[in-house]
Amino acid sequence: MSQVDVQINGKSYNVSCDDGQEDHLLELAGYVDQRVQELIKSVGQVGDARILVMACLLIADELAETYSNKKNVNSGEENNERVFEQRLVHVTNELANRIERIADTLGST
């Protein structure tokens, strides 16, 4: 286990993480701090706890939107697959009918 000091809103927090995850944790903390600073510019300094809760809610909203977009993309892919399969069945049936008509024509001559 590693210990990393991260800076959020000018305050240092000592956080544990798995070995090798230190840089990733610092990136995440940087992202949180960036969101906190954006909120402070927007609403002013409203206290550490409140601004961190607001940042958490903002990030949770971003995450929820990402999940929703992913779900819509996956749903669209499933619909495209279904439409492709239906079109393939239709084309295959049409080809089978044409082959039967050609066979009938050749058989009657």
C-alpha atoms as a PDB file:
ATOM      1  CA  MET A   1       0.000   0.000   0.000  1.00  0.00           C
ATOM      2  CA  SER A   2       1.238   3.468  -0.870  1.00  0.00           C
ATOM      3  CA  GLN A   3       0.443   6.811   0.707  1.00  0.00           C
ATOM      4  CA  VAL A   4      -0.058   9.832  -1.536  1.00  0.00           C
ATOM      5  CA  ASP A   5      -0.609  13.456  -0.569  1.00  0.00           C
ATOM      6  CA  VAL A   6      -3.171  15.057  -2.874  1.00  0.00           C
ATOM      7  CA  GLN A   7      -4.103  18.738  -2.991  1.00  0.00           C
ATOM      8  CA  ILE A   8      -7.740  19.736  -3.330  1.00  0.00           C
ATOM      9  CA  ASN A   9      -8.804  23.342  -2.870  1.00  0.00           C
ATOM     10  CA  GLY A  10      -5.462  24.215  -1.314  1.00  0.00           C
ATOM     11  CA  LYS A  11      -5.689  21.527   1.340  1.00  0.00           C
ATOM     12  CA  SER A  12      -3.532  18.421   1.556  1.00  0.00           C
ATOM     13  CA  TYR A  13      -5.134  15.005   2.026  1.00  0.00           C
ATOM     14  CA  ASN A  14      -3.154  11.831   2.662  1.00  0.00           C
ATOM     15  CA  VAL A  15      -4.745   8.972   0.722  1.00  0.00           C
ATOM     16  CA  SER A  16      -3.852   5.277   0.512  1.00  0.00           C
ATOM     17  CA  CYS A  17      -3.747   3.461  -2.799  1.00  0.00           C
ATOM     18  CA  ASP A  18      -2.401   0.248  -4.290  1.00  0.00           C
ATOM     19  CA  ASP A  19       1.249   0.245  -5.271  1.00  0.00           C
ATOM     20  CA  GLY A  20       1.634   1.552  -8.812  1.00  0.00           C
ATOM     21  CA  GLN A  21      -1.588   3.601  -8.672  1.00  0.00           C
ATOM     22  CA  GLU A  22       0.001   6.773  -7.312  1.00  0.00           C
ATOM     23  CA  ASP A  23       0.066   8.682 -10.619  1.00  0.00           C
ATOM     24  CA  HIS A  24      -3.509   7.711 -11.390  1.00  0.00           C
ATOM     25  CA  LEU A  25      -4.644   8.882  -7.959  1.00  0.00           C
ATOM     26  CA  LEU A  26      -2.856  12.205  -8.471  1.00  0.00           C
ATOM     27  CA  GLU A  27      -4.619  12.620 -11.840  1.00  0.00           C
ATOM     28  CA  LEU A  28      -7.994  11.932 -10.233  1.00  0.00           C
ATOM     29  CA  ALA A  29      -7.281  14.398  -7.441  1.00  0.00           C
ATOM     30  CA  GLY A  30      -6.249  16.965 -10.048  1.00  0.00           C
ATOM     31  CA  TYR A  31      -9.558  16.472 -11.832  1.00  0.00           C
ATOM     32  CA  VAL A  32     -11.515  16.873  -8.586  1.00  0.00           C
ATOM     33  CA  ASP A  33      -9.534  20.012  -7.739  1.00  0.00           C
ATOM     34  CA  GLN A  34     -10.226  21.415 -11.207  1.00  0.00           C
ATOM     35  CA  ARG A  35     -13.965  20.871 -10.752  1.00  0.00           C
ATOM     36  CA  VAL A  36     -13.805  22.439  -7.264  1.00  0.00           C
ATOM     37  CA  GLN A  37     -12.026  25.510  -8.656  1.00  0.00           C
ATOM     38  CA  GLU A  38     -14.657  25.860 -11.410  1.00  0.00           C
ATOM     39  CA  LEU A  39     -17.405  25.709  -8.794  1.00  0.00           C
ATOM     40  CA  ILE A  40     -15.675  28.297  -6.611  1.00  0.00           C
ATOM     41  CA  LYS A  41     -15.508  30.658  -9.596  1.00  0.00           C
ATOM     42  CA  SER A  42     -19.210  30.051 -10.181  1.00  0.00           C
ATOM     43  CA  VAL A  43     -20.676  30.117  -6.651  1.00  0.00           C
ATOM     44  CA  GLY A  44     -17.867  31.497  -4.510  1.00  0.00           C
ATOM     45  CA  GLN A  45     -16.203  29.949  -1.473  1.00  0.00           C
ATOM     46  CA  VAL A  46     -19.024  28.217   0.436  1.00  0.00           C
ATOM     47  CA  GLY A  47     -16.946  26.076   2.779  1.00  0.00           C
ATOM     48  CA  ASP A  48     -14.842  22.983   2.182  1.00  0.00           C
ATOM     49  CA  ALA A  49     -17.483  20.385   2.947  1.00  0.00           C
ATOM     50  CA  ARG A  50     -20.169  22.047   0.842  1.00  0.00           C
ATOM     51  CA  ILE A  51     -17.900  22.697  -2.162  1.00  0.00           C
ATOM     52  CA  LEU A  52     -16.627  19.093  -2.057  1.00  0.00           C
ATOM     53  CA  VAL A  53     -20.204  17.770  -1.933  1.00  0.00           C
ATOM     54  CA  MET A  54     -21.111  19.993  -4.888  1.00  0.00           C
ATOM     55  CA  ALA A  55     -18.059  18.748  -6.812  1.00  0.00           C
ATOM     56  CA  CYS A  56     -18.965  15.128  -6.015  1.00  0.00           C
ATOM     57  CA  LEU A  57     -22.504  15.680  -7.284  1.00  0.00           C
ATOM     58  CA  LEU A  58     -21.209  17.356 -10.437  1.00  0.00           C
ATOM     59  CA  ILE A  59     -18.812  14.475 -11.117  1.00  0.00           C
ATOM     60  CA  ALA A  60     -21.551  11.917 -10.337  1.00  0.00           C
ATOM     61  CA  ASP A  61     -23.775  13.684 -12.871  1.00  0.00           C
ATOM     62  CA  GLU A  62     -21.005  13.466 -15.487  1.00  0.00           C
ATOM     63  CA  LEU A  63     -20.611   9.762 -14.725  1.00  0.00           C
ATOM     64  CA  ALA A  64     -24.363   9.125 -14.953  1.00  0.00           C
ATOM     65  CA  GLU A  65     -24.484  10.904 -18.313  1.00  0.00           C
ATOM     66  CA  THR A  66     -21.570   8.807 -19.557  1.00  0.00           C
ATOM     67  CA  TYR A  67     -23.328   5.591 -18.472  1.00  0.00           C
ATOM     68  CA  SER A  68     -26.532   6.738 -20.166  1.00  0.00           C
ATOM     69  CA  ASN A  69     -24.699   7.548 -23.406  1.00  0.00           C
ATOM     70  CA  LYS A  70     -22.958   4.161 -23.324  1.00  0.00           C
ATOM     71  CA  LYS A  71     -26.293   2.416 -22.771  1.00  0.00           C
ATOM     72  CA  ASN A  72     -27.810   4.299 -25.722  1.00  0.00           C
ATOM     73  CA  VAL A  73     -24.860   3.393 -27.952  1.00  0.00           C
ATOM     74  CA  ASN A  74     -25.117  -0.278 -26.953  1.00  0.00           C
ATOM     75  CA  SER A  75     -28.874  -0.215 -27.546  1.00  0.00           C
ATOM     76  CA  GLY A  76     -28.302   1.359 -30.958  1.00  0.00           C
ATOM     77  CA  GLU A  77     -25.779  -1.323 -31.840  1.00  0.00           C
ATOM     78  CA  GLU A  78     -28.271  -4.039 -30.859  1.00  0.00           C
ATOM     79  CA  ASN A  79     -30.966  -2.385 -32.985  1.00  0.00           C
ATOM     80  CA  ASN A  80     -28.561  -2.110 -35.937  1.00  0.00           C
ATOM     81  CA  GLU A  81     -27.679  -5.787 -35.542  1.00  0.00           C
ATOM     82  CA  ARG A  82     -31.352  -6.766 -35.472  1.00  0.00           C
ATOM     83  CA  VAL A  83     -32.132  -4.653 -38.560  1.00  0.00           C
ATOM     84  CA  PHE A  84     -29.137  -6.165 -40.376  1.00  0.00           C
ATOM     85  CA  GLU A  85     -30.271  -9.695 -39.517  1.00  0.00           C
ATOM     86  CA  GLN A  86     -33.826  -8.961 -40.700  1.00  0.00           C
ATOM     87  CA  ARG A  87     -32.502  -7.466 -43.947  1.00  0.00           C
ATOM     88  CA  LEU A  88     -30.219 -10.473 -44.445  1.00  0.00           C
ATOM     89  CA  VAL A  89     -33.147 -12.884 -43.984  1.00  0.00           C
ATOM     90  CA  HIS A  90     -35.242 -10.860 -46.444  1.00  0.00           C
ATOM     91  CA  VAL A  91     -32.489 -10.791 -49.095  1.00  0.00           C
ATOM     92  CA  THR A  92     -31.810 -14.517 -48.608  1.00  0.00           C
ATOM     93  CA  ASN A  93     -35.512 -15.316 -49.080  1.00  0.00           C
ATOM     94  CA  GLU A  94     -35.664 -13.195 -52.231  1.00  0.00           C
ATOM     95  CA  LEU A  95     -32.598 -14.953 -53.638  1.00  0.00           C
ATOM     96  CA  ALA A  96     -34.114 -18.353 -52.839  1.00  0.00           C
ATOM     97  CA  ASN A  97     -37.324 -17.362 -54.657  1.00  0.00           C
ATOM     98  CA  ARG A  98     -35.359 -16.197 -57.713  1.00  0.00           C
ATOM     99  CA  ILE A  99     -33.363 -19.431 -57.773  1.00  0.00           C
ATOM    100  CA  GLU A 100     -36.601 -21.439 -57.597  1.00  0.00           C
ATOM    101  CA  ARG A 101     -38.093 -19.438 -60.492  1.00  0.00           C
ATOM    102  CA  ILE A 102     -34.938 -19.965 -62.565  1.00  0.00           C
ATOM    103  CA  ALA A 103     -34.997 -23.686 -61.738  1.00  0.00           C
ATOM    104  CA  ASP A 104     -38.689 -23.868 -62.726  1.00  0.00           C
ATOM    105  CA  THR A 105     -37.941 -22.077 -65.996  1.00  0.00           C
ATOM    106  CA  LEU A 106     -35.047 -24.408 -66.770  1.00  0.00           C
ATOM    107  CA  GLY A 107     -37.108 -27.448 -65.789  1.00  0.00           C
ATOM    108  CA  SER A 108     -39.976 -26.551 -68.118  1.00  0.00           C
ATOM    109  CA  THR A 109     -37.754 -26.101 -71.180  1.00  0.00           C
END
